[in-house]
C-alpha atoms as a PDB file:
ATOM      1  CA  MET A   1      25.389 -12.762  -4.721  1.00  0.00           C
ATOM      2  CA  SER A   2      21.706 -12.728  -5.551  1.00  0.00           C
ATOM      3  CA  ILE A   3      19.932  -9.924  -7.378  1.00  0.00           C
ATOM      4  CA  GLY A   4      16.310 -10.642  -6.637  1.00  0.00           C
ATOM      5  CA  GLN A   5      13.284  -8.549  -5.879  1.00  0.00           C
ATOM      6  CA  SER A   6      13.536  -7.075  -2.448  1.00  0.00           C
ATOM      7  CA  LYS A   7      10.561  -6.694  -0.112  1.00  0.00           C
ATOM      8  CA  LYS A   8      11.738  -3.197   0.803  1.00  0.00           C
ATOM      9  CA  THR A   9       8.924  -0.676   0.940  1.00  0.00           C
ATOM     10  CA  VAL A  10       9.434   2.217  -1.432  1.00  0.00           C
ATOM     11  CA  ILE A  11       8.088   5.708  -0.913  1.00  0.00           C
ATOM     12  CA  VAL A  12       6.218   6.645  -4.097  1.00  0.00           C
ATOM     13  CA  ARG A  13       6.342  10.364  -3.272  1.00  0.00           C
ATOM     14  CA  GLU A  14       7.055  12.577  -0.280  1.00  0.00           C
ATOM     15  CA  TYR A  15       5.324  15.927   0.210  1.00  0.00           C
ATOM     16  CA  HIS A  16       6.707  18.613   2.506  1.00  0.00           C
ATOM     17  CA  LEU A  17       3.844  20.786   3.717  1.00  0.00           C
ATOM     18  CA  ASP A  18       3.943  23.758   6.067  1.00  0.00           C
ATOM     19  CA  ILE A  19       2.613  21.474   8.837  1.00  0.00           C
ATOM     20  CA  GLY A  20       4.871  18.457   8.265  1.00  0.00           C
ATOM     21  CA  LYS A  21       5.393  15.733   5.720  1.00  0.00           C
ATOM     22  CA  VAL A  22       3.230  13.166   3.981  1.00  0.00           C
ATOM     23  CA  GLN A  23       4.794  10.013   2.563  1.00  0.00           C
ATOM     24  CA  VAL A  24       2.856   8.196  -0.130  1.00  0.00           C
ATOM     25  CA  TYR A  25       3.306   4.437  -0.574  1.00  0.00           C
ATOM     26  CA  ASN A  26       1.525   2.015  -2.925  1.00  0.00           C
ATOM     27  CA  ASP A  27      -1.645   1.598  -0.866  1.00  0.00           C
ATOM     28  CA  TYR A  28      -1.279   3.883   2.148  1.00  0.00           C
ATOM     29  CA  ILE A  29       0.083   7.228   3.294  1.00  0.00           C
ATOM     30  CA  VAL A  30       2.008   8.192   6.420  1.00  0.00           C
ATOM     31  CA  ALA A  31       1.636  11.682   7.869  1.00  0.00           C
ATOM     32  CA  ILE A  32       4.236  13.086  10.280  1.00  0.00           C
ATOM     33  CA  PHE A  33       3.229  16.541  11.451  1.00  0.00           C
ATOM     34  CA  ASP A  34       5.498  19.124  13.063  1.00  0.00           C
ATOM     35  CA  GLU A  35       5.545  20.017  16.741  1.00  0.00           C
ATOM     36  CA  GLY A  36       2.871  22.607  17.483  1.00  0.00           C
ATOM     37  CA  ALA A  37       1.148  22.367  14.089  1.00  0.00           C
ATOM     38  CA  THR A  38      -2.610  22.806  13.838  1.00  0.00           C
ATOM     39  CA  ILE A  39      -4.504  20.604  11.405  1.00  0.00           C
ATOM     40  CA  THR A  40      -7.311  22.798  10.127  1.00  0.00           C
ATOM     41  CA  LEU A  41      -9.872  22.008   7.449  1.00  0.00           C
ATOM     42  CA  GLU A  42      -7.824  23.967   4.917  1.00  0.00           C
ATOM     43  CA  ARG A  43      -4.720  21.913   5.696  1.00  0.00           C
ATOM     44  CA  ALA A  44      -6.719  18.682   5.653  1.00  0.00           C
ATOM     45  CA  TYR A  45      -7.812  19.555   2.112  1.00  0.00           C
ATOM     46  CA  GLN A  46      -4.119  19.550   1.108  1.00  0.00           C
ATOM     47  CA  ILE A  47      -3.851  15.968   2.316  1.00  0.00           C
ATOM     48  CA  ILE A  48      -7.153  14.992   0.708  1.00  0.00           C
ATOM     49  CA  GLY A  49      -5.790  16.463  -2.550  1.00  0.00           C
ATOM     50  CA  ILE A  50      -2.698  14.268  -2.244  1.00  0.00           C
ATOM     51  CA  THR A  51      -4.901  11.197  -1.781  1.00  0.00           C
ATOM     52  CA  GLU A  52      -6.924  12.136  -4.874  1.00  0.00           C
ATOM     53  CA  ILE A  53      -3.738  12.357  -6.935  1.00  0.00           C
ATOM     54  CA  HIS A  54      -2.448   8.943  -5.843  1.00  0.00           C
ATOM     55  CA  PHE A  55      -5.582   6.967  -4.913  1.00  0.00           C
ATOM     56  CA  ARG A  56      -8.403   8.411  -7.039  1.00  0.00           C
ATOM     57  CA  ASN A  57     -10.059   5.034  -7.774  1.00  0.00           C
ATOM     58  CA  LYS A  58      -8.035   2.897  -5.406  1.00  0.00           C
ATOM     59  CA  LYS A  59      -8.466   1.808  -1.786  1.00  0.00           C
ATOM     60  CA  PHE A  60      -5.883   3.123   0.668  1.00  0.00           C
ATOM     61  CA  GLY A  61      -5.030   3.496   4.338  1.00  0.00           C
ATOM     62  CA  TYR A  62      -3.779   6.395   6.436  1.00  0.00           C
ATOM     63  CA  ILE A  63      -1.198   6.234   9.222  1.00  0.00           C
ATOM     64  CA  SER A  64      -0.747   9.209  11.529  1.00  0.00           C
ATOM     65  CA  LEU A  65       2.751   8.783  12.989  1.00  0.00           C
ATOM     66  CA  ARG A  66       2.564  11.070  16.020  1.00  0.00           C
ATOM     67  CA  LYS A  67       6.170  11.789  16.883  1.00  0.00           C
ATOM     68  CA  HIS A  68       5.268  15.353  17.903  1.00  0.00           C
ATOM     69  CA  SER A  69       2.390  17.077  19.649  1.00  0.00           C
ATOM     70  CA  TYR A  70      -0.028  18.987  17.466  1.00  0.00           C
ATOM     71  CA  ALA A  71      -3.677  20.017  17.391  1.00  0.00           C
ATOM     72  CA  ILE A  72      -6.463  18.780  15.139  1.00  0.00           C
ATOM     73  CA  ASP A  73      -9.736  20.556  14.463  1.00  0.00           C
ATOM     74  CA  PRO A  74     -12.146  17.641  15.077  1.00  0.00           C
ATOM     75  CA  THR A  75     -14.520  18.813  12.328  1.00  0.00           C
ATOM     76  CA  VAL A  76     -11.817  17.662   9.880  1.00  0.00           C
ATOM     77  CA  TYR A  77     -13.035  14.105  10.503  1.00  0.00           C
ATOM     78  CA  ASN A  78     -16.470  14.954   9.062  1.00  0.00           C
ATOM     79  CA  TYR A  79     -14.758  15.453   5.695  1.00  0.00           C
ATOM     80  CA  ILE A  80     -12.206  12.653   5.946  1.00  0.00           C
ATOM     81  CA  ARG A  81     -14.887  10.052   6.637  1.00  0.00           C
ATOM     82  CA  GLU A  82     -16.514  10.978   3.309  1.00  0.00           C
ATOM     83  CA  LEU A  83     -13.528   9.433   1.482  1.00  0.00           C
ATOM     84  CA  ASP A  84     -15.101   6.110   0.499  1.00  0.00           C
ATOM     85  CA  ASN A  85     -11.790   4.611  -0.631  1.00  0.00           C
ATOM     86  CA  LEU A  86     -10.097   5.313   2.749  1.00  0.00           C
ATOM     87  CA  LYS A  87     -10.383   1.891   4.368  1.00  0.00           C
ATOM     88  CA  ALA A  88      -8.191   2.226   7.473  1.00  0.00           C
ATOM     89  CA  PHE A  89      -7.059   5.061   9.719  1.00  0.00           C
ATOM     90  CA  ALA A  90      -4.263   4.228  12.182  1.00  0.00           C
ATOM     91  CA  ILE A  91      -2.673   6.414  14.817  1.00  0.00           C
ATOM     92  CA  VAL A  92       0.771   5.487  16.133  1.00  0.00           C
ATOM     93  CA  SER A  93       2.082   7.013  19.336  1.00  0.00           C
ATOM     94  CA  LEU A  94       3.756   6.212  22.626  1.00  0.00           C
ATOM     95  CA  LYS A  95       2.220   9.219  24.375  1.00  0.00           C
ATOM     96  CA  GLU A  96      -0.658   8.726  26.803  1.00  0.00           C
ATOM     97  CA  ILE A  97      -2.233  12.060  25.808  1.00  0.00           C
ATOM     98  CA  ASP A  98      -2.520  10.782  22.235  1.00  0.00           C
ATOM     99  CA  MET A  99      -4.437   7.743  23.505  1.00  0.00           C
ATOM    100  CA  HIS A 100      -6.909  10.051  25.265  1.00  0.00           C
ATOM    101  CA  ASN A 101      -7.191  12.270  22.180  1.00  0.00           C
ATOM    102  CA  PHE A 102      -7.761   9.179  20.033  1.00  0.00           C
ATOM    103  CA  LYS A 103     -10.892   8.302  22.009  1.00  0.00           C
ATOM    104  CA  ILE A 104     -12.306  11.743  21.217  1.00  0.00           C
ATOM    105  CA  GLU A 105     -11.194  11.683  17.567  1.00  0.00           C
ATOM    106  CA  LYS A 106     -12.850   8.296  17.099  1.00  0.00           C
ATOM    107  CA  LEU A 107     -16.211   9.819  18.095  1.00  0.00           C
ATOM    108  CA  PHE A 108     -15.938  12.238  15.172  1.00  0.00           C
ATOM    109  CA  TYR A 109     -14.523   9.830  12.569  1.00  0.00           C
ATOM    110  CA  LYS A 110     -17.007   6.925  13.023  1.00  0.00           C
ATOM    111  CA  LYS A 111     -15.179   4.572  10.623  1.00  0.00           C
ATOM    112  CA  PRO A 112     -12.441   1.950  11.146  1.00  0.00           C
ATOM    113  CA  MET A 113      -9.788   3.694  13.241  1.00  0.00           C
ATOM    114  CA  LYS A 114      -7.273   2.095  15.560  1.00  0.00           C
ATOM    115  CA  PHE A 115      -4.525   3.214  17.960  1.00  0.00           C
ATOM    116  CA  PHE A 116      -1.118   1.520  17.973  1.00  0.00           C
ATOM    117  CA  ILE A 117       2.054   1.816  19.987  1.00  0.00           C
ATOM    118  CA  GLU A 118       4.188   0.140  17.306  1.00  0.00           C
ATOM    119  CA  TYR A 119       4.349   1.299  13.689  1.00  0.00           C
ATOM    120  CA  GLU A 120       4.761  -2.234  12.302  1.00  0.00           C
ATOM    121  CA  ASN A 121       1.474  -3.348  13.907  1.00  0.00           C
ATOM    122  CA  ALA A 122      -0.326  -0.313  12.505  1.00  0.00           C
ATOM    123  CA  LEU A 123       1.086  -0.991   9.047  1.00  0.00           C
ATOM    124  CA  ALA A 124       0.005  -4.651   9.133  1.00  0.00           C
ATOM    125  CA  TRP A 125      -3.537  -3.664  10.213  1.00  0.00           C
ATOM    126  CA  VAL A 126      -3.810  -0.973   7.522  1.00  0.00           C
ATOM    127  CA  LYS A 127      -2.624  -3.352   4.799  1.00  0.00           C
ATOM    128  CA  ARG A 128      -5.098  -6.056   5.922  1.00  0.00           C
ATOM    129  CA  ARG A 129      -8.006  -3.576   5.840  1.00  0.00           C
ATOM    130  CA  VAL A 130      -7.047  -2.184   2.444  1.00  0.00           C
ATOM    131  CA  ARG A 131      -6.815  -5.677   0.934  1.00  0.00           C
ATOM    132  CA  ALA A 132     -10.003  -6.952   2.637  1.00  0.00           C
ATOM    133  CA  LYS A 133     -12.696  -4.921   0.922  1.00  0.00           C
END
């Protein structure tokens, strides 16, 4: 039996918000919002606060794991794109409506943002972008 270092990804911290949960890892976060939630500017500031706690002077990525349907105030992206240390923004979903919404969201965000069907591909892209710059 070998007791070596495992490559298992460890959640640094998990936050349970009134709109869903945010999982913080070493160099990225994963947000899973509840069915029917509305992401307003006030709620986005909660998430921005979490990123300031964990990534104040460190590059990071963001993965939106869209298991449920929810609404986003598009003006939120005007504030998120001001986070200079946010290097990658990935959206993961199997739903066609999310692909259509992504095209609109991308117009507001105007920074590296990509849509994925598989979580593992999104994670690999986010990690590459965080390491690259």
